[in-house]
């Protein structure tokens, strides 16, 4: 093959790649807006009930397998790291301070109130 044919194939390849490339649009979280920087742990509780915990004291509950989320008002601004499920109403969450120490919180009513 001659140089002209290679050049022609190269131009066709570049044109095709440019013509059919998709535009990149950055991902932005639109729903839910929960006011935290990150979700650090999610757990399935029972049936379609889920919990998600994260930075800035974020606790989110879902009763429809994650389609909608209810935000529990932060009682602490700590970063929640992990959540442990005992049963459908009782679970615990570990929160950490900036100094490396942490606290353990527990709920007995499915996540609505914490001690």
C-alpha atoms as a PDB file:
ATOM      1  CA  UNK A   1       0.000   0.000   0.000  1.00  0.00           C
ATOM      2  CA  UNK A   2       1.168   3.423  -0.761  1.00  0.00           C
ATOM      3  CA  UNK A   3       1.678   6.240   1.716  1.00  0.00           C
ATOM      4  CA  UNK A   4      -1.401   8.035   0.359  1.00  0.00           C
ATOM      5  CA  UNK A   5      -3.628   5.069   1.178  1.00  0.00           C
ATOM      6  CA  UNK A   6      -2.256   4.872   4.762  1.00  0.00           C
ATOM      7  CA  UNK A   7      -2.750   8.590   5.210  1.00  0.00           C
ATOM      8  CA  UNK A   8      -6.308   8.343   3.856  1.00  0.00           C
ATOM      9  CA  UNK A   9      -7.114   5.450   6.289  1.00  0.00           C
ATOM     10  CA  UNK A  10      -5.624   7.453   9.154  1.00  0.00           C
ATOM     11  CA  UNK A  11      -7.769  10.508   8.346  1.00  0.00           C
ATOM     12  CA  UNK A  12     -10.921   8.370   8.056  1.00  0.00           C
ATOM     13  CA  UNK A  13     -10.188   6.704  11.409  1.00  0.00           C
ATOM     14  CA  UNK A  14      -9.673  10.038  13.189  1.00  0.00           C
ATOM     15  CA  UNK A  15     -12.784  11.559  11.593  1.00  0.00           C
ATOM     16  CA  UNK A  16     -14.905   8.551  12.621  1.00  0.00           C
ATOM     17  CA  UNK A  17     -13.622   8.666  16.204  1.00  0.00           C
ATOM     18  CA  UNK A  18     -14.354  12.379  16.488  1.00  0.00           C
ATOM     19  CA  UNK A  19     -17.744  12.149  14.806  1.00  0.00           C
ATOM     20  CA  UNK A  20     -19.101   9.411  17.046  1.00  0.00           C
ATOM     21  CA  UNK A  21     -17.481  10.338  20.354  1.00  0.00           C
ATOM     22  CA  UNK A  22     -19.852  11.144  23.198  1.00  0.00           C
ATOM     23  CA  UNK A  23     -19.648  14.420  25.039  1.00  0.00           C
ATOM     24  CA  UNK A  24     -18.336  14.097  28.578  1.00  0.00           C
ATOM     25  CA  UNK A  25     -20.555  15.572  31.266  1.00  0.00           C
ATOM     26  CA  UNK A  26     -19.323  15.478  34.852  1.00  0.00           C
ATOM     27  CA  UNK A  27     -21.451  13.584  37.362  1.00  0.00           C
ATOM     28  CA  UNK A  28     -23.249  15.636  39.970  1.00  0.00           C
ATOM     29  CA  UNK A  29     -25.396  14.162  42.712  1.00  0.00           C
ATOM     30  CA  UNK A  30     -28.844  15.696  42.362  1.00  0.00           C
ATOM     31  CA  UNK A  31     -30.921  13.597  44.747  1.00  0.00           C
ATOM     32  CA  UNK A  32     -30.672  13.288  47.659  1.00  0.00           C
ATOM     33  CA  UNK A  33     -28.776  16.365  48.718  1.00  0.00           C
ATOM     34  CA  UNK A  34     -27.792  15.395  52.221  1.00  0.00           C
ATOM     35  CA  UNK A  35     -25.119  17.955  53.043  1.00  0.00           C
ATOM     36  CA  UNK A  36     -22.196  15.595  53.528  1.00  0.00           C
ATOM     37  CA  UNK A  37     -18.941  15.140  51.705  1.00  0.00           C
ATOM     38  CA  UNK A  38     -19.036  11.356  51.499  1.00  0.00           C
ATOM     39  CA  UNK A  39     -21.001   8.267  52.408  1.00  0.00           C
ATOM     40  CA  UNK A  40     -18.637   5.874  54.169  1.00  0.00           C
ATOM     41  CA  UNK A  41     -20.803   2.831  54.826  1.00  0.00           C
ATOM     42  CA  UNK A  42     -24.125   1.415  53.655  1.00  0.00           C
ATOM     43  CA  UNK A  43     -25.932  -1.615  55.019  1.00  0.00           C
ATOM     44  CA  UNK A  44     -29.038  -3.562  54.146  1.00  0.00           C
ATOM     45  CA  UNK A  45     -31.105  -3.868  57.332  1.00  0.00           C
ATOM     46  CA  UNK A  46     -34.089  -6.040  56.447  1.00  0.00           C
ATOM     47  CA  UNK A  47     -36.377  -6.482  53.443  1.00  0.00           C
ATOM     48  CA  UNK A  48     -36.158  -3.137  51.581  1.00  0.00           C
ATOM     49  CA  UNK A  49     -34.754  -1.082  54.462  1.00  0.00           C
ATOM     50  CA  UNK A  50     -31.234   0.411  54.103  1.00  0.00           C
ATOM     51  CA  UNK A  51     -28.996   2.744  56.083  1.00  0.00           C
ATOM     52  CA  UNK A  52     -26.135   4.937  54.860  1.00  0.00           C
ATOM     53  CA  UNK A  53     -23.743   6.872  57.110  1.00  0.00           C
ATOM     54  CA  UNK A  54     -20.964   9.321  56.337  1.00  0.00           C
ATOM     55  CA  UNK A  55     -19.151  12.575  56.942  1.00  0.00           C
ATOM     56  CA  UNK A  56     -20.532  15.517  58.917  1.00  0.00           C
ATOM     57  CA  UNK A  57     -22.857  13.298  60.954  1.00  0.00           C
ATOM     58  CA  UNK A  58     -24.868  12.107  57.960  1.00  0.00           C
ATOM     59  CA  UNK A  59     -27.349   9.311  58.527  1.00  0.00           C
ATOM     60  CA  UNK A  60     -29.747   8.362  55.739  1.00  0.00           C
ATOM     61  CA  UNK A  61     -32.532   5.771  55.933  1.00  0.00           C
ATOM     62  CA  UNK A  62     -34.433   4.174  53.063  1.00  0.00           C
ATOM     63  CA  UNK A  63     -37.548   2.018  53.301  1.00  0.00           C
ATOM     64  CA  UNK A  64     -37.879   1.349  49.557  1.00  0.00           C
ATOM     65  CA  UNK A  65     -34.555  -0.314  48.722  1.00  0.00           C
ATOM     66  CA  UNK A  66     -32.752   2.978  48.094  1.00  0.00           C
ATOM     67  CA  UNK A  67     -35.197   4.745  45.776  1.00  0.00           C
ATOM     68  CA  UNK A  68     -35.845   7.506  48.326  1.00  0.00           C
ATOM     69  CA  UNK A  69     -33.894   8.465  51.451  1.00  0.00           C
ATOM     70  CA  UNK A  70     -34.874  10.131  54.717  1.00  0.00           C
ATOM     71  CA  UNK A  71     -32.149  12.248  56.300  1.00  0.00           C
ATOM     72  CA  UNK A  72     -31.822  12.008  60.065  1.00  0.00           C
ATOM     73  CA  UNK A  73     -30.828  15.394  61.491  1.00  0.00           C
ATOM     74  CA  UNK A  74     -27.189  15.255  62.581  1.00  0.00           C
ATOM     75  CA  UNK A  75     -26.801  14.942  66.330  1.00  0.00           C
ATOM     76  CA  UNK A  76     -23.039  14.959  65.888  1.00  0.00           C
ATOM     77  CA  UNK A  77     -20.697  16.509  63.319  1.00  0.00           C
ATOM     78  CA  UNK A  78     -18.351  13.547  63.576  1.00  0.00           C
ATOM     79  CA  UNK A  79     -17.454  11.329  60.658  1.00  0.00           C
ATOM     80  CA  UNK A  80     -19.350   8.056  60.807  1.00  0.00           C
ATOM     81  CA  UNK A  81     -17.171   5.175  59.606  1.00  0.00           C
ATOM     82  CA  UNK A  82     -19.201   1.981  59.939  1.00  0.00           C
ATOM     83  CA  UNK A  83     -22.579   0.688  61.026  1.00  0.00           C
ATOM     84  CA  UNK A  84     -23.418  -2.716  62.534  1.00  0.00           C
ATOM     85  CA  UNK A  85     -26.917  -4.236  62.327  1.00  0.00           C
ATOM     86  CA  UNK A  86     -28.291  -6.380  65.180  1.00  0.00           C
ATOM     87  CA  UNK A  87     -31.929  -6.540  64.075  1.00  0.00           C
ATOM     88  CA  UNK A  88     -34.448  -4.360  62.213  1.00  0.00           C
ATOM     89  CA  UNK A  89     -34.594  -1.787  65.041  1.00  0.00           C
ATOM     90  CA  UNK A  90     -31.238  -2.076  66.811  1.00  0.00           C
ATOM     91  CA  UNK A  91     -27.950  -1.049  65.249  1.00  0.00           C
ATOM     92  CA  UNK A  92     -24.748   0.764  66.166  1.00  0.00           C
ATOM     93  CA  UNK A  93     -22.545   3.279  64.369  1.00  0.00           C
ATOM     94  CA  UNK A  94     -18.889   4.121  64.934  1.00  0.00           C
ATOM     95  CA  UNK A  95     -17.881   7.783  64.645  1.00  0.00           C
ATOM     96  CA  UNK A  96     -14.376   9.212  64.694  1.00  0.00           C
ATOM     97  CA  UNK A  97     -12.889  12.474  65.923  1.00  0.00           C
ATOM     98  CA  UNK A  98     -10.077  14.412  64.250  1.00  0.00           C
ATOM     99  CA  UNK A  99      -7.673  13.181  66.949  1.00  0.00           C
ATOM    100  CA  UNK A 100      -8.169   9.515  65.988  1.00  0.00           C
ATOM    101  CA  UNK A 101     -10.441   8.626  68.892  1.00  0.00           C
ATOM    102  CA  UNK A 102     -14.075   7.747  68.350  1.00  0.00           C
ATOM    103  CA  UNK A 103     -17.497   7.151  69.812  1.00  0.00           C
ATOM    104  CA  UNK A 104     -20.047   4.367  69.531  1.00  0.00           C
ATOM    105  CA  UNK A 105     -23.695   5.309  69.015  1.00  0.00           C
ATOM    106  CA  UNK A 106     -26.687   2.994  69.291  1.00  0.00           C
ATOM    107  CA  UNK A 107     -30.294   3.171  68.160  1.00  0.00           C
ATOM    108  CA  UNK A 108     -33.190   1.073  69.444  1.00  0.00           C
ATOM    109  CA  UNK A 109     -35.901   2.541  67.191  1.00  0.00           C
ATOM    110  CA  UNK A 110     -34.610   1.887  63.692  1.00  0.00           C
ATOM    111  CA  UNK A 111     -32.329   4.913  63.447  1.00  0.00           C
ATOM    112  CA  UNK A 112     -34.687   7.737  64.385  1.00  0.00           C
ATOM    113  CA  UNK A 113     -32.951   8.523  67.686  1.00  0.00           C
ATOM    114  CA  UNK A 114     -29.399   7.679  68.786  1.00  0.00           C
ATOM    115  CA  UNK A 115     -27.655   7.411  72.181  1.00  0.00           C
END
